[in-house]
């Protein structure tokens, strides 16, 4: 009898939960992200492998507008009449915490599209934050890894 009740409760509980496909239009990422973006420092440690993956992600999803070097001077940015921060300048992100940069990448801002969770997991975004900080002259990857 107890097994029957537990089985029935499980069916009701899991059967009633909506099945949302991350690829569907109805899917929205939770706020804040599962990693607790609000005010948190960067929880990942950069490795050669994670930074190579972050560089690949940057080149696929960010460089088109921000430029391979991060200077923001691309034809697309010019065509869209965008004035992008020069990520090669250490001052451009100096007053931004890792959590704020994560949030902008994950959710997008203005004309910048969000990085969808189906495309990049939270750890990928945290590593991308480290990579973006490394683009600044004299900044290096260590400048943003977990300290802000």
Protein backbone atom coordinates (compact mmCIF):
# COMPACT_ATOMS: atom_id res chain seq x y z
CA UNK A 1 0.00 0.00 0.00
CA UNK A 2 2.78 2.44 0.94
CA UNK A 3 4.61 1.61 -2.29
CA UNK A 4 1.44 2.31 -4.26
CA UNK A 5 1.00 5.68 -2.56
CA UNK A 6 4.63 6.63 -3.19
CA UNK A 7 4.35 5.61 -6.83
CA UNK A 8 1.14 7.60 -7.26
CA UNK A 9 2.69 10.67 -5.57
CA UNK A 10 5.75 10.42 -7.82
CA UNK A 11 3.62 10.19 -10.95
CA UNK A 12 1.55 13.20 -9.89
CA UNK A 13 4.59 15.25 -8.88
CA UNK A 14 6.67 14.57 -11.96
CA UNK A 15 3.76 14.36 -14.34
CA UNK A 16 2.50 17.79 -13.27
CA UNK A 17 5.88 19.47 -13.73
CA UNK A 18 6.00 21.23 -17.08
CA UNK A 19 8.54 19.90 -19.53
CA UNK A 20 10.32 22.97 -20.85
CA UNK A 21 12.76 22.50 -23.65
CA UNK A 22 15.73 24.95 -23.47
CA UNK A 23 15.39 25.43 -27.22
CA UNK A 24 11.77 26.53 -27.04
CA UNK A 25 10.64 30.13 -27.04
CA UNK A 26 9.00 29.70 -23.64
CA UNK A 27 12.25 28.83 -21.93
CA UNK A 28 13.88 31.59 -19.90
CA UNK A 29 17.02 31.22 -17.78
CA UNK A 30 16.46 31.58 -14.07
CA UNK A 31 17.57 34.76 -12.33
CA UNK A 32 20.09 34.86 -10.88
CA UNK A 33 21.89 31.92 -12.41
CA UNK A 34 22.41 28.70 -10.50
CA UNK A 35 25.90 29.86 -9.57
CA UNK A 36 24.53 32.78 -7.58
CA UNK A 37 25.83 35.64 -9.68
CA UNK A 38 24.71 38.35 -7.29
CA UNK A 39 27.92 39.95 -6.01
CA UNK A 40 29.94 36.75 -6.11
CA UNK A 41 33.53 36.54 -7.23
CA UNK A 42 34.49 34.22 -10.02
CA UNK A 43 34.16 30.64 -8.73
CA UNK A 44 36.35 28.99 -11.40
CA UNK A 45 40.11 28.71 -11.60
CA UNK A 46 41.59 29.25 -15.02
CA UNK A 47 43.43 26.35 -16.60
CA UNK A 48 45.12 26.21 -19.99
CA UNK A 49 42.30 23.97 -21.21
CA UNK A 50 39.47 26.16 -19.85
CA UNK A 51 41.03 29.29 -21.33
CA UNK A 52 41.48 27.62 -24.72
CA UNK A 53 37.77 26.76 -24.62
CA UNK A 54 36.93 30.33 -23.53
CA UNK A 55 39.00 31.74 -26.40
CA UNK A 56 37.15 29.50 -28.85
CA UNK A 57 33.79 30.63 -27.41
CA UNK A 58 34.90 34.28 -27.61
CA UNK A 59 36.00 33.86 -31.23
CA UNK A 60 32.69 32.21 -32.17
CA UNK A 61 30.27 34.45 -30.28
CA UNK A 62 31.99 37.71 -29.33
CA UNK A 63 34.75 38.59 -31.78
CA UNK A 64 32.34 39.46 -34.59
CA UNK A 65 31.40 42.67 -32.75
CA UNK A 66 34.13 43.08 -30.12
CA UNK A 67 37.01 42.14 -32.43
CA UNK A 68 39.52 39.33 -32.09
CA UNK A 69 41.73 41.55 -29.95
CA UNK A 70 38.77 43.00 -28.03
CA UNK A 71 39.24 46.58 -29.19
CA UNK A 72 35.60 46.84 -30.40
CA UNK A 73 36.60 48.34 -33.75
CA UNK A 74 34.93 45.99 -36.19
CA UNK A 75 33.04 46.59 -39.40
CA UNK A 76 29.88 45.11 -37.88
CA UNK A 77 30.06 47.40 -34.84
CA UNK A 78 30.58 50.36 -37.19
CA UNK A 79 27.67 49.27 -39.44
CA UNK A 80 25.39 48.89 -36.42
CA UNK A 81 26.57 52.28 -35.13
CA UNK A 82 27.81 50.72 -31.89
CA UNK A 83 30.48 52.22 -29.70
CA UNK A 84 31.91 49.26 -27.82
CA UNK A 85 34.27 49.34 -24.88
CA UNK A 86 37.90 48.73 -25.75
CA UNK A 87 38.52 45.52 -23.81
CA UNK A 88 42.26 45.91 -24.45
CA UNK A 89 42.23 48.96 -22.14
CA UNK A 90 42.57 47.88 -18.47
CA UNK A 91 40.33 50.80 -17.43
CA UNK A 92 37.36 49.58 -19.48
CA UNK A 93 36.45 46.79 -17.03
CA UNK A 94 38.25 48.05 -13.92
CA UNK A 95 35.05 49.09 -12.15
CA UNK A 96 33.08 45.99 -13.23
CA UNK A 97 32.94 42.93 -10.98
CA UNK A 98 33.22 39.47 -12.48
CA UNK A 99 29.58 38.92 -11.51
CA UNK A 100 28.45 41.98 -13.50
CA UNK A 101 30.44 40.87 -16.56
CA UNK A 102 29.00 37.35 -16.20
CA UNK A 103 25.50 38.81 -16.03
CA UNK A 104 26.00 40.94 -19.16
CA UNK A 105 27.34 37.95 -21.10
CA UNK A 106 24.63 35.57 -19.88
CA UNK A 107 21.65 37.94 -20.26
CA UNK A 108 22.90 40.32 -22.94
CA UNK A 109 22.66 44.09 -22.84
CA UNK A 110 21.23 46.60 -25.29
CA UNK A 111 21.98 45.15 -28.76
CA UNK A 112 24.29 42.45 -27.37
CA UNK A 113 22.48 39.08 -27.45
CA UNK A 114 22.57 36.77 -24.43
CA UNK A 115 24.77 33.69 -24.29
CA UNK A 116 22.19 30.91 -24.08
CA UNK A 117 22.67 28.22 -21.41
CA UNK A 118 22.22 25.53 -24.07
CA UNK A 119 25.28 26.94 -25.85
CA UNK A 120 27.51 27.76 -22.85
CA UNK A 121 27.25 26.49 -19.28
CA UNK A 122 27.85 28.82 -16.34
CA UNK A 123 31.45 27.61 -15.92
CA UNK A 124 32.06 28.41 -19.60
CA UNK A 125 30.83 31.98 -18.99
CA UNK A 126 32.96 32.36 -15.85
CA UNK A 127 35.99 31.26 -17.87
CA UNK A 128 34.98 33.68 -20.61
CA UNK A 129 35.01 36.47 -18.00
CA UNK A 130 38.61 35.55 -17.17
CA UNK A 131 39.49 35.45 -20.88
CA UNK A 132 37.88 38.84 -21.56
CA UNK A 133 39.82 40.37 -18.67
CA UNK A 134 43.02 38.89 -20.13
CA UNK A 135 42.51 40.91 -23.31
CA UNK A 136 43.46 44.12 -21.54
CA UNK A 137 47.02 45.25 -21.95
CA UNK A 138 48.82 44.32 -18.76
CA UNK A 139 45.62 42.79 -17.34
CA UNK A 140 46.29 39.10 -17.79
CA UNK A 141 43.93 36.27 -16.85
CA UNK A 142 44.87 36.43 -13.18
CA UNK A 143 43.55 39.99 -12.83
CA UNK A 144 39.91 38.90 -12.84
CA UNK A 145 40.03 35.36 -11.52
CA UNK A 146 37.92 35.31 -8.42
CA UNK A 147 39.04 38.58 -6.90
CA UNK A 148 36.02 40.75 -7.70
